[in-house]
PDB file of N, CA and C in Angstrom:
ATOM      1  N   UNK A   1     180.353 118.509  51.913  1.00  0.00           N
ATOM      2  CA  UNK A   1     180.158 118.665  50.378  1.00  0.00           C
ATOM      3  C   UNK A   1     181.376 119.021  49.788  1.00  0.00           C
ATOM      4  N   UNK A   2     181.986 118.398  48.767  1.00  0.00           N
ATOM      5  CA  UNK A   2     183.201 118.837  48.142  1.00  0.00           C
ATOM      6  C   UNK A   2     183.079 119.687  46.805  1.00  0.00           C
ATOM      7  N   UNK A   3     183.807 120.312  46.363  1.00  0.00           N
ATOM      8  CA  UNK A   3     183.780 121.016  46.005  1.00  0.00           C
ATOM      9  C   UNK A   3     182.960 120.708  43.865  1.00  0.00           C
ATOM     10  N   UNK A   4     183.524 119.441  44.052  1.00  0.00           N
ATOM     11  CA  UNK A   4     183.326 118.557  43.157  1.00  0.00           C
ATOM     12  C   UNK A   4     182.061 117.766  42.762  1.00  0.00           C
ATOM     13  N   UNK A   5     181.336 117.625  44.012  1.00  0.00           N
ATOM     14  CA  UNK A   5     180.072 117.939  44.336  1.00  0.00           C
ATOM     15  C   UNK A   5     179.019 118.325  43.451  1.00  0.00           C
ATOM     16  N   UNK A   6     177.060 118.388  42.886  1.00  0.00           N
ATOM     17  CA  UNK A   6     176.139 118.769  42.391  1.00  0.00           C
ATOM     18  C   UNK A   6     175.362 118.219  43.629  1.00  0.00           C
ATOM     19  N   UNK A   7     174.895 119.039  44.146  1.00  0.00           N
ATOM     20  CA  UNK A   7     173.252 118.342  45.105  1.00  0.00           C
ATOM     21  C   UNK A   7     172.008 117.788  43.401  1.00  0.00           C
ATOM     22  N   UNK A   8     171.714 117.019  43.852  1.00  0.00           N
ATOM     23  CA  UNK A   8     170.807 116.896  42.740  1.00  0.00           C
ATOM     24  C   UNK A   8     169.852 118.150  42.581  1.00  0.00           C
ATOM     25  N   UNK A   9     169.637 119.112  41.609  1.00  0.00           N
ATOM     26  CA  UNK A   9     168.425 119.651  40.702  1.00  0.00           C
ATOM     27  C   UNK A   9     169.793 121.572  40.767  1.00  0.00           C
ATOM     28  N   UNK A  10     170.419 121.028  41.289  1.00  0.00           N
ATOM     29  CA  UNK A  10     171.495 122.252  41.249  1.00  0.00           C
ATOM     30  C   UNK A  10     172.704 122.731  40.113  1.00  0.00           C
ATOM     31  N   UNK A  11     172.832 123.552  39.876  1.00  0.00           N
ATOM     32  CA  UNK A  11     174.160 123.306  39.043  1.00  0.00           C
ATOM     33  C   UNK A  11     175.256 124.108  38.941  1.00  0.00           C
ATOM     34  N   UNK A  12     176.274 123.528  38.406  1.00  0.00           N
ATOM     35  CA  UNK A  12     177.410 124.156  39.056  1.00  0.00           C
ATOM     36  C   UNK A  12     177.846 125.640  39.234  1.00  0.00           C
ATOM     37  N   UNK A  13     177.144 125.913  38.143  1.00  0.00           N
ATOM     38  CA  UNK A  13     177.435 127.587  37.782  1.00  0.00           C
ATOM     39  C   UNK A  13     176.544 128.062  39.035  1.00  0.00           C
ATOM     40  N   UNK A  14     175.683 127.698  39.229  1.00  0.00           N
ATOM     41  CA  UNK A  14     174.874 128.719  40.114  1.00  0.00           C
ATOM     42  C   UNK A  14     175.508 128.496  41.412  1.00  0.00           C
ATOM     43  N   UNK A  15     176.432 127.394  41.889  1.00  0.00           N
ATOM     44  CA  UNK A  15     177.022 126.926  43.279  1.00  0.00           C
ATOM     45  C   UNK A  15     178.253 128.105  43.390  1.00  0.00           C
ATOM     46  N   UNK A  16     178.717 128.031  41.638  1.00  0.00           N
ATOM     47  CA  UNK A  16     179.890 128.721  42.236  1.00  0.00           C
ATOM     48  C   UNK A  16     179.758 130.386  41.768  1.00  0.00           C
ATOM     49  N   UNK A  17     178.520 130.665  41.574  1.00  0.00           N
ATOM     50  CA  UNK A  17     178.351 132.054  41.529  1.00  0.00           C
ATOM     51  C   UNK A  17     177.920 132.429  43.342  1.00  0.00           C
ATOM     52  N   UNK A  18     177.025 131.916  43.419  1.00  0.00           N
ATOM     53  CA  UNK A  18     176.553 131.884  45.304  1.00  0.00           C
ATOM     54  C   UNK A  18     178.218 131.763  46.035  1.00  0.00           C
ATOM     55  N   UNK A  19     178.495 130.769  46.033  1.00  0.00           N
ATOM     56  CA  UNK A  19     179.586 130.829  46.515  1.00  0.00           C
ATOM     57  C   UNK A  19     180.723 132.229  46.385  1.00  0.00           C
ATOM     58  N   UNK A  20     181.075 132.978  45.210  1.00  0.00           N
ATOM     59  CA  UNK A  20     181.178 134.158  44.876  1.00  0.00           C
ATOM     60  C   UNK A  20     180.966 135.717  45.454  1.00  0.00           C
ATOM     61  N   UNK A  21     179.829 135.366  45.561  1.00  0.00           N
ATOM     62  CA  UNK A  21     179.033 136.129  46.595  1.00  0.00           C
ATOM     63  C   UNK A  21     179.717 136.282  47.117  1.00  0.00           C
ATOM     64  N   UNK A  22     179.061 135.201  48.111  1.00  0.00           N
ATOM     65  CA  UNK A  22     179.595 135.138  49.250  1.00  0.00           C
ATOM     66  C   UNK A  22     180.766 135.853  49.819  1.00  0.00           C
ATOM     67  N   UNK A  23     181.650 135.320  48.576  1.00  0.00           N
ATOM     68  CA  UNK A  23     183.665 135.487  49.402  1.00  0.00           C
ATOM     69  C   UNK A  23     183.571 136.801  48.758  1.00  0.00           C
ATOM     70  N   UNK A  24     183.488 137.530  47.534  1.00  0.00           N
ATOM     71  CA  UNK A  24     183.249 138.658  47.378  1.00  0.00           C
ATOM     72  C   UNK A  24     182.703 139.732  48.359  1.00  0.00           C
ATOM     73  N   UNK A  25     181.806 139.259  49.209  1.00  0.00           N
ATOM     74  CA  UNK A  25     181.254 140.295  49.903  1.00  0.00           C
ATOM     75  C   UNK A  25     182.663 140.298  51.403  1.00  0.00           C
ATOM     76  N   UNK A  26     182.132 138.748  51.344  1.00  0.00           N
ATOM     77  CA  UNK A  26     183.635 138.743  53.118  1.00  0.00           C
ATOM     78  C   UNK A  26     184.783 139.710  52.610  1.00  0.00           C
ATOM     79  N   UNK A  27     185.400 139.511  51.581  1.00  0.00           N
ATOM     80  CA  UNK A  27     186.393 139.889  50.854  1.00  0.00           C
ATOM     81  C   UNK A  27     186.703 141.694  51.445  1.00  0.00           C
ATOM     82  N   UNK A  28     185.559 142.015  51.024  1.00  0.00           N
ATOM     83  CA  UNK A  28     185.885 143.404  50.381  1.00  0.00           C
ATOM     84  C   UNK A  28     185.342 143.877  51.948  1.00  0.00           C
ATOM     85  N   UNK A  29     184.630 143.311  53.004  1.00  0.00           N
ATOM     86  CA  UNK A  29     184.564 143.955  54.316  1.00  0.00           C
ATOM     87  C   UNK A  29     186.478 143.342  55.058  1.00  0.00           C
ATOM     88  N   UNK A  30     186.306 142.459  55.118  1.00  0.00           N
ATOM     89  CA  UNK A  30     187.389 141.946  55.394  1.00  0.00           C
ATOM     90  C   UNK A  30     188.863 143.025  55.133  1.00  0.00           C
ATOM     91  N   UNK A  31     189.023 143.555  53.857  1.00  0.00           N
ATOM     92  CA  UNK A  31     189.609 144.441  53.333  1.00  0.00           C
ATOM     93  C   UNK A  31     189.652 145.588  53.721  1.00  0.00           C
ATOM     94  N   UNK A  32     188.808 146.013  54.141  1.00  0.00           N
ATOM     95  CA  UNK A  32     188.720 147.698  54.288  1.00  0.00           C
ATOM     96  C   UNK A  32     187.961 147.951  56.193  1.00  0.00           C
ATOM     97  N   UNK A  33     187.813 146.640  57.015  1.00  0.00           N
ATOM     98  CA  UNK A  33     187.465 147.466  58.293  1.00  0.00           C
ATOM     99  C   UNK A  33     188.874 146.360  59.758  1.00  0.00           C
ATOM    100  N   UNK A  34     189.271 146.498  59.883  1.00  0.00           N
ATOM    101  CA  UNK A  34     190.662 146.089  61.137  1.00  0.00           C
ATOM    102  C   UNK A  34     189.527 145.086  61.339  1.00  0.00           C
ATOM    103  N   UNK A  35     190.390 143.997  62.195  1.00  0.00           N
ATOM    104  CA  UNK A  35     189.703 143.060  63.103  1.00  0.00           C
ATOM    105  C   UNK A  35     189.145 143.682  64.152  1.00  0.00           C
ATOM    106  N   UNK A  36     187.421 142.966  64.533  1.00  0.00           N
ATOM    107  CA  UNK A  36     187.245 143.300  65.177  1.00  0.00           C
ATOM    108  C   UNK A  36     188.135 142.922  66.892  1.00  0.00           C
ATOM    109  N   UNK A  37     187.537 143.625  67.731  1.00  0.00           N
ATOM    110  CA  UNK A  37     188.279 142.613  69.062  1.00  0.00           C
ATOM    111  C   UNK A  37     186.638 141.328  69.725  1.00  0.00           C
ATOM    112  N   UNK A  38     186.922 140.440  69.875  1.00  0.00           N
ATOM    113  CA  UNK A  38     185.739 139.712  70.167  1.00  0.00           C
ATOM    114  C   UNK A  38     186.225 139.504  71.102  1.00  0.00           C
ATOM    115  N   UNK A  39     184.712 139.580  72.256  1.00  0.00           N
ATOM    116  CA  UNK A  39     184.027 138.918  73.167  1.00  0.00           C
ATOM    117  C   UNK A  39     184.822 137.399  73.717  1.00  0.00           C
ATOM    118  N   UNK A  40     184.461 137.103  74.997  1.00  0.00           N
ATOM    119  CA  UNK A  40     184.809 136.212  75.625  1.00  0.00           C
ATOM    120  C   UNK A  40     183.319 135.438  74.527  1.00  0.00           C
ATOM    121  N   UNK A  41     183.573 134.090  74.354  1.00  0.00           N
ATOM    122  CA  UNK A  41     182.568 132.909  73.669  1.00  0.00           C
ATOM    123  C   UNK A  41     180.592 133.254  74.559  1.00  0.00           C
ATOM    124  N   UNK A  42     179.272 132.857  73.921  1.00  0.00           N
ATOM    125  CA  UNK A  42     178.620 132.643  74.730  1.00  0.00           C
ATOM    126  C   UNK A  42     177.452 131.773  74.505  1.00  0.00           C
ATOM    127  N   UNK A  43     176.842 131.603  75.182  1.00  0.00           N
ATOM    128  CA  UNK A  43     175.968 129.979  74.423  1.00  0.00           C
ATOM    129  C   UNK A  43     174.377 131.179  73.988  1.00  0.00           C
ATOM    130  N   UNK A  44     174.391 130.510  73.019  1.00  0.00           N
ATOM    131  CA  UNK A  44     172.614 130.695  72.581  1.00  0.00           C
ATOM    132  C   UNK A  44     171.708 129.719  72.227  1.00  0.00           C
ATOM    133  N   UNK A  45     170.560 129.545  72.694  1.00  0.00           N
ATOM    134  CA  UNK A  45     169.684 128.621  72.679  1.00  0.00           C
ATOM    135  C   UNK A  45     168.183 129.417  70.985  1.00  0.00           C
ATOM    136  N   UNK A  46     168.660 128.122  69.436  1.00  0.00           N
ATOM    137  CA  UNK A  46     167.969 128.717  69.072  1.00  0.00           C
ATOM    138  C   UNK A  46     167.213 127.595  68.124  1.00  0.00           C
ATOM    139  N   UNK A  47     165.602 128.716  68.207  1.00  0.00           N
ATOM    140  CA  UNK A  47     164.660 127.173  67.174  1.00  0.00           C
ATOM    141  C   UNK A  47     165.776 126.740  65.985  1.00  0.00           C
ATOM    142  N   UNK A  48     164.996 125.295  66.062  1.00  0.00           N
ATOM    143  CA  UNK A  48     165.715 124.232  65.512  1.00  0.00           C
ATOM    144  C   UNK A  48     166.022 124.635  63.789  1.00  0.00           C
ATOM    145  N   UNK A  49     164.948 125.279  63.021  1.00  0.00           N
ATOM    146  CA  UNK A  49     164.751 126.119  61.818  1.00  0.00           C
ATOM    147  C   UNK A  49     165.456 126.984  61.898  1.00  0.00           C
ATOM    148  N   UNK A  50     166.129 128.054  62.611  1.00  0.00           N
ATOM    149  CA  UNK A  50     166.763 128.589  62.371  1.00  0.00           C
ATOM    150  C   UNK A  50     168.066 128.559  62.235  1.00  0.00           C
ATOM    151  N   UNK A  51     168.696 127.549  63.178  1.00  0.00           N
ATOM    152  CA  UNK A  51     170.496 126.829  63.551  1.00  0.00           C
ATOM    153  C   UNK A  51     170.410 126.190  61.743  1.00  0.00           C
ATOM    154  N   UNK A  52     169.001 125.492  60.938  1.00  0.00           N
ATOM    155  CA  UNK A  52     169.310 124.913  60.397  1.00  0.00           C
ATOM    156  C   UNK A  52     169.492 125.535  58.979  1.00  0.00           C
ATOM    157  N   UNK A  53     168.781 127.149  59.062  1.00  0.00           N
ATOM    158  CA  UNK A  53     169.252 127.737  57.899  1.00  0.00           C
ATOM    159  C   UNK A  53     170.027 128.343  57.874  1.00  0.00           C
ATOM    160  N   UNK A  54     170.841 128.730  59.156  1.00  0.00           N
ATOM    161  CA  UNK A  54     171.979 129.621  59.939  1.00  0.00           C
ATOM    162  C   UNK A  54     173.670 128.420  58.940  1.00  0.00           C
ATOM    163  N   UNK A  55     173.234 126.864  59.171  1.00  0.00           N
ATOM    164  CA  UNK A  55     174.583 126.104  58.538  1.00  0.00           C
ATOM    165  C   UNK A  55     174.048 125.973  57.074  1.00  0.00           C
ATOM    166  N   UNK A  56     172.733 125.613  56.777  1.00  0.00           N
ATOM    167  CA  UNK A  56     172.683 126.260  55.357  1.00  0.00           C
ATOM    168  C   UNK A  56     173.416 127.440  54.467  1.00  0.00           C
ATOM    169  N   UNK A  57     173.686 128.640  54.833  1.00  0.00           N
ATOM    170  CA  UNK A  57     173.832 129.545  54.676  1.00  0.00           C
ATOM    171  C   UNK A  57     175.359 130.149  54.738  1.00  0.00           C
ATOM    172  N   UNK A  58     175.831 128.859  55.644  1.00  0.00           N
ATOM    173  CA  UNK A  58     177.195 129.054  56.586  1.00  0.00           C
ATOM    174  C   UNK A  58     177.972 127.868  55.464  1.00  0.00           C
ATOM    175  N   UNK A  59     177.339 126.698  54.671  1.00  0.00           N
ATOM    176  CA  UNK A  59     178.107 125.728  54.327  1.00  0.00           C
ATOM    177  C   UNK A  59     177.632 126.367  52.767  1.00  0.00           C
ATOM    178  N   UNK A  60     177.268 126.936  52.365  1.00  0.00           N
ATOM    179  CA  UNK A  60     176.191 127.153  50.615  1.00  0.00           C
ATOM    180  C   UNK A  60     177.670 128.483  50.571  1.00  0.00           C
ATOM    181  N   UNK A  61     178.081 129.231  51.466  1.00  0.00           N
ATOM    182  CA  UNK A  61     178.795 130.143  51.361  1.00  0.00           C
ATOM    183  C   UNK A  61     180.216 130.059  52.220  1.00  0.00           C
ATOM    184  N   UNK A  62     180.538 128.988  52.363  1.00  0.00           N
ATOM    185  CA  UNK A  62     181.831 128.528  52.647  1.00  0.00           C
ATOM    186  C   UNK A  62     181.917 129.187  53.902  1.00  0.00           C
ATOM    187  N   UNK A  63     181.781 128.900  54.837  1.00  0.00           N
ATOM    188  CA  UNK A  63     181.822 130.328  56.073  1.00  0.00           C
ATOM    189  C   UNK A  63     181.047 129.705  57.411  1.00  0.00           C
ATOM    190  N   UNK A  64     181.630 130.246  58.889  1.00  0.00           N
ATOM    191  CA  UNK A  64     181.476 129.216  59.801  1.00  0.00           C
ATOM    192  C   UNK A  64     179.505 129.766  60.093  1.00  0.00           C
ATOM    193  N   UNK A  65     178.467 128.748  61.100  1.00  0.00           N
ATOM    194  CA  UNK A  65     177.640 129.513  61.682  1.00  0.00           C
ATOM    195  C   UNK A  65     177.795 130.444  62.361  1.00  0.00           C
ATOM    196  N   UNK A  66     179.526 130.489  63.174  1.00  0.00           N
ATOM    197  CA  UNK A  66     179.361 132.210  63.474  1.00  0.00           C
ATOM    198  C   UNK A  66     179.556 133.965  63.139  1.00  0.00           C
ATOM    199  N   UNK A  67     180.477 132.959  61.818  1.00  0.00           N
ATOM    200  CA  UNK A  67     180.189 134.578  60.812  1.00  0.00           C
ATOM    201  C   UNK A  67     178.811 134.379  59.516  1.00  0.00           C
ATOM    202  N   UNK A  68     178.006 133.480  60.058  1.00  0.00           N
ATOM    203  CA  UNK A  68     176.490 134.061  59.588  1.00  0.00           C
ATOM    204  C   UNK A  68     175.837 134.693  60.788  1.00  0.00           C
ATOM    205  N   UNK A  69     176.126 133.783  61.325  1.00  0.00           N
ATOM    206  CA  UNK A  69     175.662 135.183  62.513  1.00  0.00           C
ATOM    207  C   UNK A  69     175.918 136.711  63.007  1.00  0.00           C
ATOM    208  N   UNK A  70     176.868 136.394  63.091  1.00  0.00           N
ATOM    209  CA  UNK A  70     177.689 137.845  62.989  1.00  0.00           C
ATOM    210  C   UNK A  70     176.576 139.025  62.315  1.00  0.00           C
ATOM    211  N   UNK A  71     177.302 138.729  60.870  1.00  0.00           N
ATOM    212  CA  UNK A  71     176.844 139.320  60.010  1.00  0.00           C
ATOM    213  C   UNK A  71     174.739 139.788  60.121  1.00  0.00           C
ATOM    214  N   UNK A  72     174.314 138.060  60.752  1.00  0.00           N
ATOM    215  CA  UNK A  72     172.502 138.599  60.867  1.00  0.00           C
ATOM    216  C   UNK A  72     172.524 139.915  62.227  1.00  0.00           C
ATOM    217  N   UNK A  73     173.382 140.018  63.479  1.00  0.00           N
ATOM    218  CA  UNK A  73     173.536 140.198  64.062  1.00  0.00           C
ATOM    219  C   UNK A  73     173.850 142.075  63.965  1.00  0.00           C
ATOM    220  N   UNK A  74     175.008 142.101  63.103  1.00  0.00           N
ATOM    221  CA  UNK A  74     175.117 143.185  62.049  1.00  0.00           C
ATOM    222  C   UNK A  74     173.916 143.685  61.412  1.00  0.00           C
ATOM    223  N   UNK A  75     172.983 143.495  60.726  1.00  0.00           N
ATOM    224  CA  UNK A  75     172.420 143.704  60.188  1.00  0.00           C
ATOM    225  C   UNK A  75     171.058 144.052  60.772  1.00  0.00           C
ATOM    226  N   UNK A  76     170.514 143.563  62.057  1.00  0.00           N
ATOM    227  CA  UNK A  76     169.647 144.000  63.339  1.00  0.00           C
ATOM    228  C   UNK A  76     169.520 145.039  63.509  1.00  0.00           C
ATOM    229  N   UNK A  77     171.521 145.498  63.982  1.00  0.00           N
ATOM    230  CA  UNK A  77     171.805 146.499  64.541  1.00  0.00           C
ATOM    231  C   UNK A  77     171.628 147.591  64.057  1.00  0.00           C
ATOM    232  N   UNK A  78     171.882 147.441  62.780  1.00  0.00           N
ATOM    233  CA  UNK A  78     171.443 148.568  61.883  1.00  0.00           C
ATOM    234  C   UNK A  78     170.437 149.198  61.328  1.00  0.00           C
ATOM    235  N   UNK A  79     169.607 147.581  62.019  1.00  0.00           N
ATOM    236  CA  UNK A  79     167.931 148.585  61.598  1.00  0.00           C
ATOM    237  C   UNK A  79     167.534 149.047  62.625  1.00  0.00           C
ATOM    238  N   UNK A  80     166.027 147.618  62.639  1.00  0.00           N
ATOM    239  CA  UNK A  80     165.607 147.874  64.198  1.00  0.00           C
ATOM    240  C   UNK A  80     166.050 147.992  65.012  1.00  0.00           C
ATOM    241  N   UNK A  81     167.639 147.214  65.728  1.00  0.00           N
ATOM    242  CA  UNK A  81     168.932 147.747  66.902  1.00  0.00           C
ATOM    243  C   UNK A  81     168.753 149.496  67.201  1.00  0.00           C
ATOM    244  N   UNK A  82     169.391 149.985  65.569  1.00  0.00           N
ATOM    245  CA  UNK A  82     169.205 151.472  65.811  1.00  0.00           C
ATOM    246  C   UNK A  82     168.138 152.153  66.322  1.00  0.00           C
ATOM    247  N   UNK A  83     167.010 151.956  65.659  1.00  0.00           N
ATOM    248  CA  UNK A  83     165.445 152.156  65.762  1.00  0.00           C
ATOM    249  C   UNK A  83     165.504 152.298  67.791  1.00  0.00           C
ATOM    250  N   UNK A  84     165.749 151.537  68.183  1.00  0.00           N
ATOM    251  CA  UNK A  84     165.648 151.002  69.607  1.00  0.00           C
ATOM    252  C   UNK A  84     166.500 151.720  70.417  1.00  0.00           C
ATOM    253  N   UNK A  85     167.347 152.306  69.655  1.00  0.00           N
ATOM    254  CA  UNK A  85     168.875 152.131  70.903  1.00  0.00           C
ATOM    255  C   UNK A  85     168.417 154.411  70.324  1.00  0.00           C
ATOM    256  N   UNK A  86     167.953 154.620  69.380  1.00  0.00           N
ATOM    257  CA  UNK A  86     167.655 155.691  69.113  1.00  0.00           C
ATOM    258  C   UNK A  86     166.546 155.974  70.139  1.00  0.00           C
ATOM    259  N   UNK A  87     165.340 155.059  70.384  1.00  0.00           N
ATOM    260  CA  UNK A  87     163.765 156.237  71.130  1.00  0.00           C
ATOM    261  C   UNK A  87     165.103 156.052  72.030  1.00  0.00           C
ATOM    262  N   UNK A  88     165.364 154.891  72.302  1.00  0.00           N
ATOM    263  CA  UNK A  88     166.411 155.105  74.199  1.00  0.00           C
ATOM    264  C   UNK A  88     167.175 156.257  74.381  1.00  0.00           C
ATOM    265  N   UNK A  89     167.590 156.901  73.083  1.00  0.00           N
ATOM    266  CA  UNK A  89     168.697 158.226  73.223  1.00  0.00           C
ATOM    267  C   UNK A  89     167.855 159.454  73.621  1.00  0.00           C
ATOM    268  N   UNK A  90     166.368 159.153  73.039  1.00  0.00           N
ATOM    269  CA  UNK A  90     165.534 160.572  73.692  1.00  0.00           C
ATOM    270  C   UNK A  90     164.245 160.440  74.774  1.00  0.00           C
ATOM    271  N   UNK A  91     164.792 159.246  74.721  1.00  0.00           N
ATOM    272  CA  UNK A  91     163.968 159.163  76.626  1.00  0.00           C
ATOM    273  C   UNK A  91     165.073 159.907  77.573  1.00  0.00           C
ATOM    274  N   UNK A  92     166.000 159.416  77.050  1.00  0.00           N
ATOM    275  CA  UNK A  92     167.282 159.547  78.084  1.00  0.00           C
ATOM    276  C   UNK A  92     167.280 161.465  78.106  1.00  0.00           C
ATOM    277  N   UNK A  93     167.247 162.113  76.580  1.00  0.00           N
ATOM    278  CA  UNK A  93     167.264 163.210  76.646  1.00  0.00           C
ATOM    279  C   UNK A  93     166.382 164.235  77.373  1.00  0.00           C
ATOM    280  N   UNK A  94     164.964 163.185  77.116  1.00  0.00           N
ATOM    281  CA  UNK A  94     163.477 164.178  77.705  1.00  0.00           C
ATOM    282  C   UNK A  94     163.596 163.715  78.924  1.00  0.00           C
ATOM    283  N   UNK A  95     164.789 162.949  79.631  1.00  0.00           N
ATOM    284  CA  UNK A  95     164.617 162.597  81.172  1.00  0.00           C
ATOM    285  C   UNK A  95     165.356 163.854  81.701  1.00  0.00           C
ATOM    286  N   UNK A  96     166.961 163.909  80.598  1.00  0.00           N
ATOM    287  CA  UNK A  96     167.696 165.668  81.306  1.00  0.00           C
ATOM    288  C   UNK A  96     167.154 166.833  81.011  1.00  0.00           C
ATOM    289  N   UNK A  97     165.673 167.200  80.365  1.00  0.00           N
ATOM    290  CA  UNK A  97     165.542 168.156  80.412  1.00  0.00           C
ATOM    291  C   UNK A  97     165.939 168.778  79.154  1.00  0.00           C
ATOM    292  N   UNK A  98     166.633 167.874  78.675  1.00  0.00           N
ATOM    293  CA  UNK A  98     166.862 168.249  76.588  1.00  0.00           C
ATOM    294  C   UNK A  98     166.094 168.079  75.719  1.00  0.00           C
ATOM    295  N   UNK A  99     164.945 169.077  76.155  1.00  0.00           N
ATOM    296  CA  UNK A  99     164.271 168.982  75.212  1.00  0.00           C
ATOM    297  C   UNK A  99     162.850 170.231  74.856  1.00  0.00           C
ATOM    298  N   UNK A 100     162.298 170.178  73.958  1.00  0.00           N
ATOM    299  CA  UNK A 100     161.547 171.784  73.723  1.00  0.00           C
ATOM    300  C   UNK A 100     160.018 171.030  73.820  1.00  0.00           C
ATOM    301  N   UNK A 101     159.398 172.776  74.245  1.00  0.00           N
ATOM    302  CA  UNK A 101     157.840 171.594  74.622  1.00  0.00           C
ATOM    303  C   UNK A 101     157.404 172.447  73.032  1.00  0.00           C
ATOM    304  N   UNK A 102     155.964 171.451  72.801  1.00  0.00           N
ATOM    305  CA  UNK A 102     155.466 171.600  71.764  1.00  0.00           C
ATOM    306  C   UNK A 102     155.317 172.434  71.076  1.00  0.00           C
ATOM    307  N   UNK A 103     154.289 172.793  72.164  1.00  0.00           N
ATOM    308  CA  UNK A 103     153.458 174.329  71.835  1.00  0.00           C
ATOM    309  C   UNK A 103     154.830 175.081  71.967  1.00  0.00           C
ATOM    310  N   UNK A 104     155.333 175.941  72.448  1.00  0.00           N
ATOM    311  CA  UNK A 104     156.305 176.836  71.963  1.00  0.00           C
ATOM    312  C   UNK A 104     157.425 176.144  70.997  1.00  0.00           C
ATOM    313  N   UNK A 105     157.703 175.641  70.454  1.00  0.00           N
ATOM    314  CA  UNK A 105     158.594 174.751  68.535  1.00  0.00           C
ATOM    315  C   UNK A 105     156.975 175.888  67.846  1.00  0.00           C
ATOM    316  N   UNK A 106     155.571 175.244  67.647  1.00  0.00           N
ATOM    317  CA  UNK A 106     154.784 175.690  66.668  1.00  0.00           C
ATOM    318  C   UNK A 106     153.876 177.103  66.783  1.00  0.00           C
ATOM    319  N   UNK A 107     154.269 177.617  68.902  1.00  0.00           N
ATOM    320  CA  UNK A 107     153.872 179.144  68.063  1.00  0.00           C
ATOM    321  C   UNK A 107     155.489 179.501  67.231  1.00  0.00           C
ATOM    322  N   UNK A 108     156.575 179.067  67.785  1.00  0.00           N
ATOM    323  CA  UNK A 108     157.830 180.026  67.059  1.00  0.00           C
ATOM    324  C   UNK A 108     157.816 179.872  65.423  1.00  0.00           C
ATOM    325  N   UNK A 109     157.438 178.556  64.822  1.00  0.00           N
ATOM    326  CA  UNK A 109     156.757 178.535  63.848  1.00  0.00           C
ATOM    327  C   UNK A 109     155.750 179.486  63.636  1.00  0.00           C
ATOM    328  N   UNK A 110     154.903 179.321  63.695  1.00  0.00           N
ATOM    329  CA  UNK A 110     153.561 181.039  63.318  1.00  0.00           C
ATOM    330  C   UNK A 110     154.548 181.714  63.604  1.00  0.00           C
ATOM    331  N   UNK A 111     155.220 182.333  63.737  1.00  0.00           N
ATOM    332  CA  UNK A 111     155.338 184.009  64.124  1.00  0.00           C
ATOM    333  C   UNK A 111     156.577 183.310  63.137  1.00  0.00           C
ATOM    334  N   UNK A 112     157.299 182.853  62.757  1.00  0.00           N
ATOM    335  CA  UNK A 112     158.141 182.471  61.149  1.00  0.00           C
ATOM    336  C   UNK A 112     157.456 182.665  60.110  1.00  0.00           C
ATOM    337  N   UNK A 113     156.816 182.203  60.035  1.00  0.00           N
ATOM    338  CA  UNK A 113     155.938 181.991  59.021  1.00  0.00           C
ATOM    339  C   UNK A 113     155.045 183.378  58.988  1.00  0.00           C
ATOM    340  N   UNK A 114     154.069 183.924  59.973  1.00  0.00           N
ATOM    341  CA  UNK A 114     153.444 184.940  59.959  1.00  0.00           C
ATOM    342  C   UNK A 114     154.844 186.435  59.133  1.00  0.00           C
ATOM    343  N   UNK A 115     155.615 186.298  59.503  1.00  0.00           N
ATOM    344  CA  UNK A 115     156.795 187.087  59.297  1.00  0.00           C
ATOM    345  C   UNK A 115     157.174 187.421  57.926  1.00  0.00           C
ATOM    346  N   UNK A 116     157.689 185.539  57.273  1.00  0.00           N
ATOM    347  CA  UNK A 116     158.031 185.407  56.059  1.00  0.00           C
ATOM    348  C   UNK A 116     156.752 186.114  55.312  1.00  0.00           C
ATOM    349  N   UNK A 117     154.593 185.719  55.148  1.00  0.00           N
ATOM    350  CA  UNK A 117     154.169 186.047  55.012  1.00  0.00           C
ATOM    351  C   UNK A 117     153.533 187.712  54.635  1.00  0.00           C
ATOM    352  N   UNK A 118     154.002 188.792  55.648  1.00  0.00           N
ATOM    353  CA  UNK A 118     153.571 190.306  55.775  1.00  0.00           C
ATOM    354  C   UNK A 118     154.788 190.635  55.258  1.00  0.00           C
TER     355      UNK A 118
END
C-alpha cells in the first residue's frame, strides 16, 4: 500500500498516528541499544492466523515480519519467560543445597518477633 492510499473505513490521521507510534518506539529502542548480534536464520511454522496478524502489524508499522516477531519474543521473555527461568534457577539452587528449611526459617522469625514483643 502506498503512503497516499487509505483503506476504506480508515482515516489518514489514524494511519499517520499508527505509523508515528511504531516509528517512535523503534527509533527510541534503536538509539539507546547497540545493534544485537544475530543468530543464524531459523525456520518456524506458525498457525496461519498468527502469521496474518504479524503481517498486518508489520505493514501498519512499516517494519519487517522479523522485527515484529523479535519484539513479541522480547515481551514474552520479559514476562512469562522470565518467570520460567526464575523457577529453573530456584530448582537448581535447591538441587545444589542452596536453600533453607522452612521450619528453621519460621522458628527464626518466631524468635525475632518474641524478642521485640518482650
